[in-house]
Protein backbone atom coordinates (compact mmCIF):
# COMPACT_ATOMS: atom_id res chain seq x y z
CA UNK A 1 -15.37 155.78 -3.89
CA UNK A 2 -16.21 154.60 -7.39
CA UNK A 3 -16.22 158.17 -8.78
CA UNK A 4 -12.83 158.84 -7.19
CA UNK A 5 -11.41 155.67 -8.71
CA UNK A 6 -12.64 156.68 -12.15
CA UNK A 7 -10.97 160.08 -11.80
CA UNK A 8 -7.51 158.55 -11.22
CA UNK A 9 -5.57 158.98 -14.48
CA UNK A 10 -4.07 155.90 -16.06
CA UNK A 11 -0.45 155.89 -17.25
CA UNK A 12 0.10 156.71 -20.91
CA UNK A 13 1.46 153.84 -22.97
CA UNK A 14 3.73 154.50 -25.93
CA UNK A 15 4.24 152.81 -29.29
CA UNK A 16 7.81 152.79 -30.62
CA UNK A 17 8.50 152.23 -34.30
CA UNK A 18 12.03 150.82 -34.50
CA UNK A 19 14.53 150.25 -37.28
CA UNK A 20 14.68 146.61 -38.37
CA UNK A 21 18.49 146.53 -38.16
CA UNK A 22 20.32 145.23 -35.06
CA UNK A 23 17.28 144.04 -33.03
CA UNK A 24 19.48 142.65 -30.23
CA UNK A 25 20.69 146.20 -29.50
CA UNK A 26 17.21 147.72 -29.01
CA UNK A 27 16.73 147.24 -25.28
CA UNK A 28 20.33 148.13 -24.44
CA UNK A 29 19.97 151.43 -26.28
CA UNK A 30 16.72 152.30 -24.52
CA UNK A 31 18.25 151.38 -21.17
CA UNK A 32 21.33 153.58 -21.67
CA UNK A 33 19.18 156.58 -22.58
CA UNK A 34 16.90 156.04 -19.56
CA UNK A 35 19.92 155.71 -17.24
CA UNK A 36 21.49 158.87 -18.66
CA UNK A 37 18.39 161.05 -18.18
CA UNK A 38 17.09 159.43 -15.00
CA UNK A 39 13.78 157.75 -15.85
CA UNK A 40 12.51 154.19 -15.95
CA UNK A 41 11.06 152.11 -18.79
CA UNK A 42 8.88 149.03 -18.55
CA UNK A 43 8.58 146.80 -21.62
CA UNK A 44 4.99 145.72 -22.25
CA UNK A 45 4.60 144.10 -25.66
CA UNK A 46 6.09 143.46 -29.08
CA UNK A 47 4.37 141.84 -32.03
CA UNK A 48 1.97 139.20 -30.68
CA UNK A 49 3.75 138.88 -27.32
CA UNK A 50 2.88 140.77 -24.16
CA UNK A 51 4.00 140.69 -20.57
CA UNK A 52 1.67 139.33 -17.92
CA UNK A 53 -0.50 142.10 -16.49
CA UNK A 54 -0.25 144.40 -19.52
CA UNK A 55 -3.14 142.86 -21.49
CA UNK A 56 -6.11 145.11 -22.28
CA UNK A 57 -9.52 143.38 -22.67
CA UNK A 58 -10.93 143.58 -26.19
CA UNK A 59 -13.59 141.95 -28.27
CA UNK A 60 -11.60 138.73 -28.74
CA UNK A 61 -8.62 136.96 -27.29
CA UNK A 62 -5.41 137.78 -29.12
CA UNK A 63 -1.69 137.38 -28.53
CA UNK A 64 0.65 135.29 -26.42
CA UNK A 65 1.15 136.05 -22.74
CA UNK A 66 4.69 135.80 -21.35
CA UNK A 67 5.39 135.13 -17.71
CA UNK A 68 8.58 137.16 -17.27
CA UNK A 69 10.35 140.22 -18.60
CA UNK A 70 13.32 138.08 -19.69
CA UNK A 71 11.04 136.16 -22.07
CA UNK A 72 9.85 139.44 -23.57
CA UNK A 73 13.48 140.59 -23.92
CA UNK A 74 14.22 137.46 -25.95
CA UNK A 75 11.17 138.10 -28.17
CA UNK A 76 12.30 141.69 -28.81
CA UNK A 77 15.83 140.53 -29.63
CA UNK A 78 14.55 138.09 -32.25
CA UNK A 79 13.39 141.07 -34.31
CA UNK A 80 10.11 139.55 -35.53
CA UNK A 81 8.37 142.91 -35.03
CA UNK A 82 9.53 146.49 -35.57
CA UNK A 83 7.00 147.82 -33.03
CA UNK A 84 7.38 147.94 -29.26
CA UNK A 85 4.98 149.06 -26.51
CA UNK A 86 6.40 150.62 -23.33
CA UNK A 87 5.41 152.75 -20.38
CA UNK A 88 7.53 155.13 -18.32
CA UNK A 89 8.12 154.37 -14.65
CA UNK A 90 10.02 155.50 -11.60
CA UNK A 91 13.61 154.36 -11.21
CA UNK A 92 16.34 154.34 -13.85
CA UNK A 93 16.79 152.15 -16.88
CA UNK A 94 14.74 149.29 -18.30
CA UNK A 95 12.88 147.33 -15.64
CA UNK A 96 14.03 143.73 -15.00
CA UNK A 97 12.35 140.96 -13.00
CA UNK A 98 15.15 141.01 -10.42
CA UNK A 99 14.44 144.64 -9.49
CA UNK A 100 11.91 145.91 -6.99
CA UNK A 101 8.48 146.83 -8.31
CA UNK A 102 8.36 149.96 -10.43
CA UNK A 103 5.56 152.53 -10.35
CA UNK A 104 4.14 153.87 -13.65
CA UNK A 105 4.33 157.66 -14.07
CA UNK A 106 0.91 159.18 -14.87
CA UNK A 107 2.10 162.74 -15.65
CA UNK A 108 1.70 162.69 -19.43
CA UNK A 109 3.56 165.96 -19.92
CA UNK A 110 6.59 164.53 -18.15
CA UNK A 111 6.48 161.21 -19.96
CA UNK A 112 6.09 162.99 -23.32
CA UNK A 113 9.31 164.87 -22.55
CA UNK A 114 11.05 161.58 -21.80
CA UNK A 115 9.71 160.13 -25.04
CA UNK A 116 11.23 163.04 -26.98
CA UNK A 117 14.57 162.39 -25.28
CA UNK A 118 14.46 158.85 -26.66
CA UNK A 119 13.99 160.18 -30.20
CA UNK A 120 16.91 162.58 -29.74
CA UNK A 121 19.30 159.93 -28.42
CA UNK A 122 18.32 156.49 -29.77
CA UNK A 123 19.30 155.91 -33.39
CA UNK A 124 17.06 152.83 -33.72
CA UNK A 125 13.89 154.79 -32.88
CA UNK A 126 12.00 156.03 -35.94
CA UNK A 127 8.98 157.44 -34.11
CA UNK A 128 7.13 157.41 -30.77
CA UNK A 129 3.36 157.69 -30.46
CA UNK A 130 0.65 157.57 -27.82
CA UNK A 131 -0.82 154.08 -28.10
CA UNK A 132 -4.47 153.76 -29.18
CA UNK A 133 -4.57 150.09 -30.18
CA UNK A 134 -4.92 147.28 -27.60
CA UNK A 135 -2.00 145.34 -26.17
CA UNK A 136 -0.36 143.50 -27.79
CA UNK A 137 -1.94 144.59 -31.11
CA UNK A 138 -4.96 144.10 -33.36
CA UNK A 139 -5.09 141.29 -35.95
CA UNK A 140 -7.19 143.42 -38.35
CA UNK A 141 -8.92 146.78 -38.67
CA UNK A 142 -12.31 145.51 -37.48
CA UNK A 143 -10.69 144.41 -34.23
CA UNK A 144 -9.05 147.85 -33.89
CA UNK A 145 -12.29 149.75 -34.65
CA UNK A 146 -14.28 147.68 -32.15
CA UNK A 147 -11.67 148.38 -29.48
CA UNK A 148 -11.42 152.14 -30.10
CA UNK A 149 -15.12 153.00 -30.58
CA UNK A 150 -16.12 152.89 -26.87
CA UNK A 151 -12.83 154.48 -25.79
CA UNK A 152 -13.12 157.98 -27.21
CA UNK A 153 -10.91 159.36 -24.44
CA UNK A 154 -7.92 157.97 -26.36
CA UNK A 155 -8.01 160.83 -28.86
CA UNK A 156 -10.10 163.30 -26.86
CA UNK A 157 -7.79 163.47 -23.83
CA UNK A 158 -6.04 166.65 -25.02
CA UNK A 159 -8.88 167.92 -27.23
CA UNK A 160 -7.03 166.50 -30.22
CA UNK A 161 -10.27 166.08 -32.15
CA UNK A 162 -10.44 169.87 -32.49
CA UNK A 163 -6.91 170.26 -33.90
CA UNK A 164 -5.82 170.21 -37.52
CA UNK A 165 -4.75 166.67 -38.29
CA UNK A 166 -3.24 164.24 -40.74
CA UNK A 167 -3.02 160.46 -41.04
CA UNK A 168 0.20 158.58 -41.71
CA UNK A 169 -0.22 154.95 -42.78
CA UNK A 170 3.05 152.98 -42.78
CA UNK A 171 3.50 149.48 -44.11
CA UNK A 172 6.19 147.37 -42.46
CA UNK A 173 7.66 144.72 -44.80
CA UNK A 174 5.23 145.89 -47.49
CA UNK A 175 4.20 148.91 -49.53
CA UNK A 176 0.69 150.35 -49.41
CA UNK A 177 -0.69 152.07 -52.48
CA UNK A 178 -2.51 155.40 -52.29
CA UNK A 179 -6.02 154.03 -53.12
CA UNK A 180 -5.95 151.61 -50.20
CA UNK A 181 -4.38 154.21 -47.91
CA UNK A 182 -7.37 156.45 -48.57
CA UNK A 183 -9.82 153.58 -48.07
CA UNK A 184 -8.18 152.61 -44.77
CA UNK A 185 -8.13 156.16 -43.41
CA UNK A 186 -11.80 156.71 -44.29
CA UNK A 187 -12.57 153.69 -42.11
CA UNK A 188 -11.81 155.86 -39.05
CA UNK A 189 -14.79 158.15 -39.64
CA UNK A 190 -16.17 156.95 -36.29
CA UNK A 191 -13.61 159.24 -34.59
CA UNK A 192 -15.75 162.27 -35.67
CA UNK A 193 -12.78 164.53 -36.35
CA UNK A 194 -14.38 167.87 -37.25
CA UNK A 195 -11.26 170.01 -37.69
CA UNK A 196 -9.38 170.66 -40.92
CA UNK A 197 -6.99 168.27 -42.59
CA UNK A 198 -3.48 169.73 -42.79
CA UNK A 199 -0.95 167.47 -44.52
CA UNK A 200 1.96 169.93 -44.35
CA UNK A 201 1.92 171.13 -40.75
CA UNK A 202 -0.66 169.13 -38.77
CA UNK A 203 -1.14 169.77 -35.07
CA UNK A 204 -1.88 166.09 -34.57
CA UNK A 205 -0.64 163.18 -36.68
CA UNK A 206 -2.46 159.86 -36.32
CA UNK A 207 -0.02 157.01 -36.98
CA UNK A 208 -1.21 153.74 -38.47
CA UNK A 209 1.07 150.73 -38.87
CA UNK A 210 0.40 147.55 -40.83
CA UNK A 211 2.96 144.85 -40.17
CA UNK A 212 3.34 141.84 -42.44
CA UNK A 213 5.66 138.86 -42.25
CA UNK A 214 9.17 139.72 -43.36
CA UNK A 215 11.12 137.83 -46.00
CA UNK A 216 13.05 136.08 -43.22
CA UNK A 217 9.98 133.92 -42.51
CA UNK A 218 9.75 130.69 -44.44
CA UNK A 219 5.95 130.84 -44.74
CA UNK A 220 5.93 134.21 -46.46
CA UNK A 221 2.54 135.79 -47.03
CA UNK A 222 3.46 136.50 -50.64
CA UNK A 223 2.78 133.58 -52.98
CA UNK A 224 5.47 134.23 -55.60
CA UNK A 225 4.46 131.16 -57.62
CA UNK A 226 1.15 132.83 -58.52
CA UNK A 227 2.89 135.89 -59.96
CA UNK A 228 3.78 135.96 -63.62
CA UNK A 229 7.44 136.00 -64.64
CA UNK A 230 7.24 139.58 -65.93
CA UNK A 231 6.19 140.86 -62.50
CA UNK A 232 9.01 139.00 -60.75
CA UNK A 233 11.56 140.35 -63.23
CA UNK A 234 10.71 143.97 -62.41
CA UNK A 235 12.75 143.77 -59.21
CA UNK A 236 12.20 144.19 -55.52
CA UNK A 237 10.29 147.48 -55.72
CA UNK A 238 7.62 146.09 -58.02
CA UNK A 239 7.49 142.85 -56.08
CA UNK A 240 6.66 144.74 -52.89
CA UNK A 241 3.73 146.36 -54.64
CA UNK A 242 2.34 142.88 -55.31
CA UNK A 243 1.96 142.46 -51.54
CA UNK A 244 -0.88 144.96 -51.71
CA UNK A 245 -3.50 142.27 -51.28
CA UNK A 246 -1.73 140.52 -48.42
CA UNK A 247 -3.51 140.78 -45.09
CA UNK A 248 -1.39 142.27 -42.30
CA UNK A 249 -0.31 140.17 -39.36
CA UNK A 250 -1.11 142.97 -36.95
CA UNK A 251 -2.33 146.57 -36.91
CA UNK A 252 -1.33 149.42 -34.57
CA UNK A 253 -2.53 152.99 -34.10
CA UNK A 254 -1.52 156.02 -32.06
CA UNK A 255 -0.98 159.79 -32.13
CA UNK A 256 2.53 160.98 -32.91
CA UNK A 257 4.70 162.43 -30.14
CA UNK A 258 7.91 162.83 -32.14
CA UNK A 259 9.81 161.39 -35.10
CA UNK A 260 13.26 159.96 -34.49
CA UNK A 261 15.95 162.63 -34.81
CA UNK A 262 19.07 160.68 -33.80
CA UNK A 263 18.63 158.38 -36.80
CA UNK A 264 20.08 161.14 -39.01
CA UNK A 265 23.45 160.73 -37.28
CA UNK A 266 23.91 157.42 -39.13
CA UNK A 267 24.18 159.38 -42.38
CA UNK A 268 26.16 162.24 -40.88
CA UNK A 269 28.97 159.91 -39.73
CA UNK A 270 28.88 157.58 -42.76
CA UNK A 271 32.38 156.23 -43.38
CA UNK A 272 32.16 156.63 -47.16
CA UNK A 273 31.86 160.43 -46.78
CA UNK A 274 34.58 160.74 -44.14
CA UNK A 275 37.82 162.55 -44.96
CA UNK A 276 39.92 160.01 -43.07
CA UNK A 277 39.17 156.32 -42.70
CA UNK A 278 40.80 152.92 -43.02
CA UNK A 279 39.89 149.32 -43.74
CA UNK A 280 39.16 148.75 -40.04
CA UNK A 281 36.96 151.85 -39.54
CA UNK A 282 33.69 150.91 -37.85
CA UNK A 283 30.43 151.65 -39.64
CA UNK A 284 28.56 154.66 -38.30
CA UNK A 285 25.44 152.87 -37.04
CA UNK A 286 27.39 150.45 -34.89
CA UNK A 287 29.74 153.12 -33.56
CA UNK A 288 26.72 155.19 -32.50
CA UNK A 289 25.16 152.20 -30.74
CA UNK A 290 28.41 151.62 -28.86
CA UNK A 291 28.76 155.29 -27.95
CA UNK A 292 25.24 155.30 -26.54
CA UNK A 293 26.24 152.59 -24.05
CA UNK A 294 28.99 154.81 -22.61
CA UNK A 295 26.40 157.42 -21.50
CA UNK A 296 28.51 160.04 -23.31
CA UNK A 297 27.34 163.52 -22.38
CA UNK A 298 28.50 167.11 -21.90
CA UNK A 299 31.78 167.40 -20.00
CA UNK A 300 32.52 163.68 -19.62
CA UNK A 301 35.92 162.19 -20.47
CA UNK A 302 35.91 159.15 -22.78
CA UNK A 303 38.99 157.17 -23.81
CA UNK A 304 39.66 154.62 -26.58
CA UNK A 305 42.86 152.55 -25.99
CA UNK A 306 42.71 151.06 -29.52
CA UNK A 307 41.64 154.21 -31.35
CA UNK A 308 42.75 153.32 -34.88
CA UNK A 309 41.14 155.83 -37.25
CA UNK A 310 38.97 157.33 -34.51
CA UNK A 311 35.47 156.16 -35.48
CA UNK A 312 34.38 155.86 -31.85
CA UNK A 313 35.88 159.20 -30.82
CA UNK A 314 33.81 161.31 -33.23
CA UNK A 315 30.42 159.97 -32.13
CA UNK A 316 31.19 160.36 -28.41
CA UNK A 317 32.39 163.92 -29.04
CA UNK A 318 29.18 164.63 -30.95
CA UNK A 319 27.26 164.20 -27.68
CA UNK A 320 29.52 166.64 -25.86
CA UNK A 321 32.14 164.38 -24.31
CA UNK A 322 35.84 165.17 -24.33
CA UNK A 323 37.63 162.29 -25.99
CA UNK A 324 41.16 161.00 -26.35
CA UNK A 325 42.63 157.94 -27.99
CA UNK A 326 45.80 155.92 -28.16
CA UNK A 327 47.22 153.16 -30.32
CA UNK A 328 50.41 151.15 -30.37
CA UNK A 329 50.88 152.16 -34.02
CA UNK A 330 50.57 155.91 -34.49
CA UNK A 331 50.32 155.54 -38.26
CA UNK A 332 46.72 154.40 -37.84
CA UNK A 333 45.80 157.73 -36.24
CA UNK A 334 48.06 159.99 -38.33
CA UNK A 335 47.31 158.58 -41.74
CA UNK A 336 49.38 159.28 -44.82
CA UNK A 337 50.92 162.61 -45.81
CA UNK A 338 53.07 165.17 -44.06
CA UNK A 339 52.33 165.61 -40.39
CA UNK A 340 53.51 167.97 -37.67
CA UNK A 341 56.60 166.63 -35.91
CA UNK A 342 59.79 167.89 -34.31
CA UNK A 343 63.03 165.99 -33.84
CA UNK A 344 64.58 168.59 -31.55
CA UNK A 345 68.10 170.00 -31.75
CA UNK A 346 70.61 167.77 -33.53
CA UNK A 347 73.94 167.00 -31.84
CA UNK A 348 76.99 168.27 -33.63
CA UNK A 349 78.39 164.79 -34.22
CA UNK A 350 75.38 163.58 -36.20
CA UNK A 351 76.50 162.74 -39.71
CA UNK A 352 73.07 162.36 -41.39
CA UNK A 353 70.65 165.09 -42.31
CA UNK A 354 67.40 164.86 -40.36
CA UNK A 355 64.21 166.74 -41.23
CA UNK A 356 63.47 169.72 -39.06
CA UNK A 357 59.95 170.72 -38.08
CA UNK A 358 57.38 169.65 -40.67
CA UNK A 359 54.13 171.57 -40.53
CA UNK A 360 50.79 170.49 -41.88
CA UNK A 361 47.92 172.83 -40.97
CA UNK A 362 45.33 170.09 -41.38
CA UNK A 363 47.02 167.91 -38.75
CA UNK A 364 46.82 164.11 -38.32
CA UNK A 365 44.05 162.15 -40.01
CA UNK A 366 41.92 161.83 -36.87
CA UNK A 367 41.99 165.61 -36.44
CA UNK A 368 40.99 166.16 -40.08
CA UNK A 369 37.88 164.02 -39.65
CA UNK A 370 37.12 165.73 -36.32
CA UNK A 371 37.23 169.11 -38.10
CA UNK A 372 34.83 167.75 -40.70
CA UNK A 373 32.28 166.88 -37.98
CA UNK A 374 32.82 170.08 -35.99
CA UNK A 375 34.12 168.29 -32.87
CA UNK A 376 37.82 169.14 -33.07
CA UNK A 377 37.60 171.11 -29.81
CA UNK A 378 36.39 167.93 -28.05
CA UNK A 379 39.32 165.77 -29.18
CA UNK A 380 41.98 166.33 -26.52
CA UNK A 381 44.71 164.33 -28.23
CA UNK A 382 45.71 161.01 -29.80
CA UNK A 383 48.80 159.40 -28.33
CA UNK A 384 51.07 156.58 -29.46
CA UNK A 385 51.77 153.99 -26.77
CA UNK A 386 51.10 150.40 -25.81
CA UNK A 387 48.18 150.24 -23.39
CA UNK A 388 50.03 147.56 -21.39
CA UNK A 389 52.85 150.10 -20.81
CA UNK A 390 50.74 153.20 -20.53
CA UNK A 391 51.70 156.59 -19.07
CA UNK A 392 48.68 156.85 -16.73
CA UNK A 393 49.88 157.67 -13.21
CA UNK A 394 46.57 157.69 -11.32
CA UNK A 395 43.20 156.03 -11.58
CA UNK A 396 39.52 157.02 -11.47
CA UNK A 397 39.83 159.82 -14.03
CA UNK A 398 37.74 158.46 -16.93
CA UNK A 399 33.96 158.47 -17.24
CA UNK A 400 33.96 155.78 -19.93
CA UNK A 401 36.26 153.54 -21.95
CA UNK A 402 35.05 152.50 -25.38
CA UNK A 403 37.00 150.37 -27.82
CA UNK A 404 36.90 147.79 -30.57
CA UNK A 405 40.16 145.89 -30.00
CA UNK A 406 41.77 144.25 -33.04
CA UNK A 407 41.11 140.52 -33.02
CA UNK A 408 42.65 139.24 -36.24
CA UNK A 409 39.96 139.51 -38.91
CA UNK A 410 41.75 142.43 -40.59
CA UNK A 411 44.53 143.09 -38.08
CA UNK A 412 45.65 141.29 -34.95
CA UNK A 413 46.24 142.79 -31.51
CA UNK A 414 49.85 143.62 -30.63
CA UNK A 415 51.82 144.52 -27.53
CA UNK A 416 55.42 145.66 -27.13
CA UNK A 417 58.09 142.95 -27.24
CA UNK A 418 59.37 140.32 -29.61
CA UNK A 419 57.82 136.94 -30.25
CA UNK A 420 59.98 134.22 -28.78
CA UNK A 421 61.22 131.48 -31.05
CA UNK A 422 61.19 133.61 -34.19
CA UNK A 423 63.78 133.38 -36.95
CA UNK A 424 64.90 136.98 -36.50
CA UNK A 425 67.79 137.71 -34.18
CA UNK A 426 66.64 139.07 -30.84
CA UNK A 427 67.75 142.68 -30.34
CA UNK A 428 67.57 144.29 -26.94
CA UNK A 429 66.48 147.90 -27.14
CA UNK A 430 67.31 150.72 -26.85
CA UNK A 431 70.11 150.49 -29.43
CA UNK A 432 72.63 153.27 -30.06
CA UNK A 433 73.07 153.77 -33.80
CA UNK A 434 76.35 154.68 -35.52
CA UNK A 435 75.09 158.23 -35.98
CA UNK A 436 75.00 158.74 -32.22
CA UNK A 437 71.21 158.65 -31.79
CA UNK A 438 69.18 156.06 -29.98
CA UNK A 439 66.97 153.91 -32.19
CA UNK A 440 63.75 155.02 -30.55
CA UNK A 441 64.60 158.70 -31.16
CA UNK A 442 64.73 158.30 -34.93
CA UNK A 443 61.82 159.73 -36.99
CA UNK A 444 59.42 157.06 -38.11
CA UNK A 445 60.59 154.60 -35.45
CA UNK A 446 58.29 151.62 -35.02
CA UNK A 447 58.90 149.48 -31.91
CA UNK A 448 59.01 145.71 -32.08
CA UNK A 449 55.73 144.05 -31.16
CA UNK A 450 54.36 140.59 -30.53
CA UNK A 451 50.85 139.07 -30.65
CA UNK A 452 48.46 139.92 -27.82
CA UNK A 453 46.38 136.84 -26.98
CA UNK A 454 42.67 137.75 -26.94
CA UNK A 455 42.05 136.13 -23.54
CA UNK A 456 44.83 138.24 -22.01
CA UNK A 457 43.61 141.36 -23.78
CA UNK A 458 40.02 141.05 -22.58
CA UNK A 459 41.01 140.35 -18.98
CA UNK A 460 43.56 143.18 -18.97
CA UNK A 461 41.00 145.56 -20.45
CA UNK A 462 38.48 144.86 -17.69
CA UNK A 463 41.06 145.24 -14.90
CA UNK A 464 42.42 148.41 -16.53
CA UNK A 465 38.89 149.85 -16.69
CA UNK A 466 38.30 149.08 -13.01
CA UNK A 467 41.39 151.13 -12.16
CA UNK A 468 40.78 154.06 -14.53
CA UNK A 469 36.99 154.54 -14.36
CA UNK A 470 35.18 156.67 -11.84
CA UNK A 471 32.44 154.85 -9.86
CA UNK A 472 29.50 154.38 -12.22
CA UNK A 473 31.75 154.65 -15.28
CA UNK A 474 31.33 152.19 -18.12
CA UNK A 475 33.56 149.96 -20.23
CA UNK A 476 32.08 149.20 -23.66
CA UNK A 477 33.87 146.89 -26.10
CA UNK A 478 33.31 144.23 -28.73
CA UNK A 479 34.21 140.64 -27.88
CA UNK A 480 34.75 138.30 -30.88
CA UNK A 481 33.79 134.70 -30.28
CA UNK A 482 33.36 131.36 -32.02
CA UNK A 483 29.56 131.00 -32.13
CA UNK A 484 29.49 127.30 -31.12
CA UNK A 485 31.72 127.92 -28.09
CA UNK A 486 30.15 131.14 -26.79
CA UNK A 487 28.97 131.14 -23.21
CA UNK A 488 28.05 134.14 -21.02
CA UNK A 489 30.72 133.03 -18.53
CA UNK A 490 33.36 133.93 -21.14
CA UNK A 491 33.09 137.56 -19.98
CA UNK A 492 35.74 138.02 -17.25
CA UNK A 493 34.26 138.25 -13.77
CA UNK A 494 36.20 140.90 -11.86
CA UNK A 495 35.25 142.27 -8.45
CA UNK A 496 33.96 145.82 -8.82
CA UNK A 497 32.72 145.43 -12.42
CA UNK A 498 29.09 144.54 -13.20
CA UNK A 499 27.85 143.42 -16.61
CA UNK A 500 24.76 145.10 -18.11
CA UNK A 501 22.93 142.77 -20.47
CA UNK A 502 19.39 142.05 -21.72
CA UNK A 503 17.99 138.87 -23.19
CA UNK A 504 20.64 136.92 -25.07
CA UNK A 505 22.88 139.99 -25.27
CA UNK A 506 23.71 142.37 -28.11
CA UNK A 507 25.58 140.70 -30.96
CA UNK A 508 26.41 140.91 -34.64
CA UNK A 509 26.23 137.42 -36.12
CA UNK A 510 28.54 136.39 -38.97
CA UNK A 511 27.42 132.76 -39.15
CA UNK A 512 30.32 130.79 -37.62
CA UNK A 513 31.54 133.69 -35.52
CA UNK A 514 30.03 136.76 -33.97
CA UNK A 515 31.10 139.84 -32.09
CA UNK A 516 29.23 140.62 -28.91
CA UNK A 517 28.88 144.06 -27.39
CA UNK A 518 29.94 143.88 -23.74
CA UNK A 519 28.99 146.67 -21.34
CA UNK A 520 30.47 146.66 -17.84
CA UNK A 521 29.81 149.23 -15.13
CA UNK A 522 32.14 150.01 -12.24
CA UNK A 523 30.28 149.56 -8.96
CA UNK A 524 31.20 150.60 -5.45
CA UNK A 525 32.73 147.86 -3.29
CA UNK A 526 33.01 148.43 0.46
CA UNK A 527 35.81 146.88 2.54
CA UNK A 528 35.58 145.53 6.09
CA UNK A 529 35.90 149.04 7.54
CA UNK A 530 33.00 150.33 5.46
CA UNK A 531 35.21 152.35 3.11
CA UNK A 532 35.10 152.23 -0.66
CA UNK A 533 37.81 149.98 -2.06
CA UNK A 534 40.59 151.51 -4.12
CA UNK A 535 41.95 149.32 -6.88
CA UNK A 536 45.61 148.95 -7.80
CA UNK A 537 46.92 149.61 -11.28
CA UNK A 538 46.90 146.48 -13.49
CA UNK A 539 50.17 144.61 -14.02
CA UNK A 540 49.29 143.32 -17.52
CA UNK A 541 51.10 140.06 -16.78
CA UNK A 542 50.14 137.37 -19.34
CA UNK A 543 48.01 134.55 -18.00
CA UNK A 544 50.67 132.13 -19.34
CA UNK A 545 48.17 129.67 -20.72
CA UNK A 546 49.03 128.03 -24.03
CA UNK A 547 45.95 128.13 -26.24
CA UNK A 548 47.75 127.04 -29.42
CA UNK A 549 45.91 124.18 -31.04
CA UNK A 550 43.37 123.78 -28.26
CA UNK A 551 40.00 122.67 -29.60
CA UNK A 552 41.59 122.45 -33.06
CA UNK A 553 44.50 120.00 -33.33
CA UNK A 554 45.08 118.40 -29.93
CA UNK A 555 42.07 116.09 -29.89
CA UNK A 556 40.31 118.20 -27.24
CA UNK A 557 37.37 118.92 -29.53
CA UNK A 558 35.22 120.36 -26.76
CA UNK A 559 37.88 122.84 -25.70
CA UNK A 560 36.78 122.52 -22.09
CA UNK A 561 39.84 121.07 -20.35
CA UNK A 562 43.59 121.21 -20.78
CA UNK A 563 46.68 120.72 -18.70
CA UNK A 564 48.19 123.77 -17.04
CA UNK A 565 46.83 126.68 -15.03
CA UNK A 566 43.40 126.50 -16.67
CA UNK A 567 42.77 122.80 -16.18
CA UNK A 568 39.11 122.11 -15.45
CA UNK A 569 38.02 125.54 -16.65
CA UNK A 570 36.02 126.18 -19.78
CA UNK A 571 38.07 127.56 -22.63
CA UNK A 572 36.57 130.95 -23.61
CA UNK A 573 35.01 131.15 -27.05
CA UNK A 574 37.40 134.00 -27.93
CA UNK A 575 40.58 132.09 -27.00
CA UNK A 576 43.01 131.67 -29.91
CA UNK A 577 40.46 133.53 -32.03
CA UNK A 578 42.79 134.58 -34.85
CA UNK A 579 43.97 131.00 -35.48
CA UNK A 580 40.39 129.74 -35.42
CA UNK A 581 39.37 132.44 -37.89
CA UNK A 582 42.17 131.57 -40.30
CA UNK A 583 41.32 127.87 -39.93
CA UNK A 584 37.71 128.54 -40.92
CA UNK A 585 36.27 127.84 -37.45
CA UNK A 586 36.24 124.02 -37.52
CA UNK A 587 33.18 122.64 -35.78
CA UNK A 588 33.61 121.49 -32.20
CA UNK A 589 30.93 118.84 -32.66
CA UNK A 590 32.39 115.29 -32.38
CA UNK A 591 32.76 113.65 -35.75
CA UNK A 592 31.59 110.09 -36.55
CA UNK A 593 34.41 107.60 -35.94
CA UNK A 594 35.64 105.76 -39.06
CA UNK A 595 34.38 102.22 -39.65
CA UNK A 596 36.88 99.43 -38.99
CA UNK A 597 37.40 96.52 -41.36
């Protein structure tokens, strides 16, 4: 019995080296990739923190044990470490405490293939390696050597000791000079690697990581006061070299499976090199992270109802999806210059000269950028219409909806109609002009529009997605919010739509305000007869709640209650967002009352 137990293979654990940017998006990106390709991931450790049951005995106690996966998710989202330990399991997606127990997969060939899929899809993954070091990590090299010496099967499992090899020592938050790199690598002579060293094309690459405290920590390991002024004046590059003598917080080791390939897409789709962009174009890294949440893949149909300059369309098309976009203002999608248009046959009684067909071989701006990226055949079209008065005539046709709705930082959201109470005279359209044509048939016609309250927009977007998405389809969008007033309940709860979130959620923080990435999945709902429910098309009727001045000027500093249809309900952190932004986001904390004489 004992011999049989020893022969049972243990699951391979993997070390992920992640980009330091956007730490709150890490788990969500891993989960979307695992859901797309049909495998499970269990998070084990990051930095000094490890999940209960994942600890490996070593020569000394080290690290902080966490009792739940949610605690580990929070630790990963804080971004204190760029290294993450995982194992592949049955099921789909990243394992959560609320799910049934997952079973680790012991087939290393299969899990290596899954690891390579992560490097091909996840832009935050720099490399993936087989883990040699203990969980959660080693505090120094002596600890690592003592752990590895009796466990020679770590590097002898696939006869790696007989393959041509190379070492790669990477410093995180520090630079490591060549003399100490050589000294460190020579310390692994106990591995008895007898094959040749091949630095250009090694068969096996042994990855070493030294992680120091980043500059974000107050108690930085670098004592700048002890450096002379000349050294400090040489700039950041020279200052990093002065960290050479700083002891690392933790040390990791493994054998390379694959370097991150998807990371190159950040540079491919860089806005500064794009042929068509605007002041609201989303940066490439964030657009790729959003696109990953849609599970974009070959043959899927993805739609952006606030397309703008098309930043989200290109990245989804890059992964094989067919994409289409719309916007209430077609100028955002067309750009400047002559475009292809046709005004049709002119009636004989028209007194003005109208342009005939204008041809531009390059097409609208979105198409020009799509040609640049080689995805023009994936862009079905870009249409001009108000999403609240859309031409869709049936639902359940889209695999994903992805959008970054305008919320007033650079441009506010609009919908068709005229703002009541304005100084301009109200004109009911359509209007017949003196030349005999209707106003909306004139070239360059721009319909009247009015503000689209963010609370209405978000609710309408969720209900619209429930109608248009196929079961299992996803809605991915950014939700702007006042940081002090944010609460997870601000995301609309709609029957048939389930939120996918990890830890404290994925967010970009801008001090007083932030934008949070919301991912909702359409789930199957069964009626009383056991049939799947079919949802009606949204009506886009405003919620008719007056948010003007709430939590700003009306004395309701908490913003939690107000008269009207929302009395007793919490005011969402994104309500009246544009006015709050222009007002500088006044604090909702109660001020000290003035002293009386």
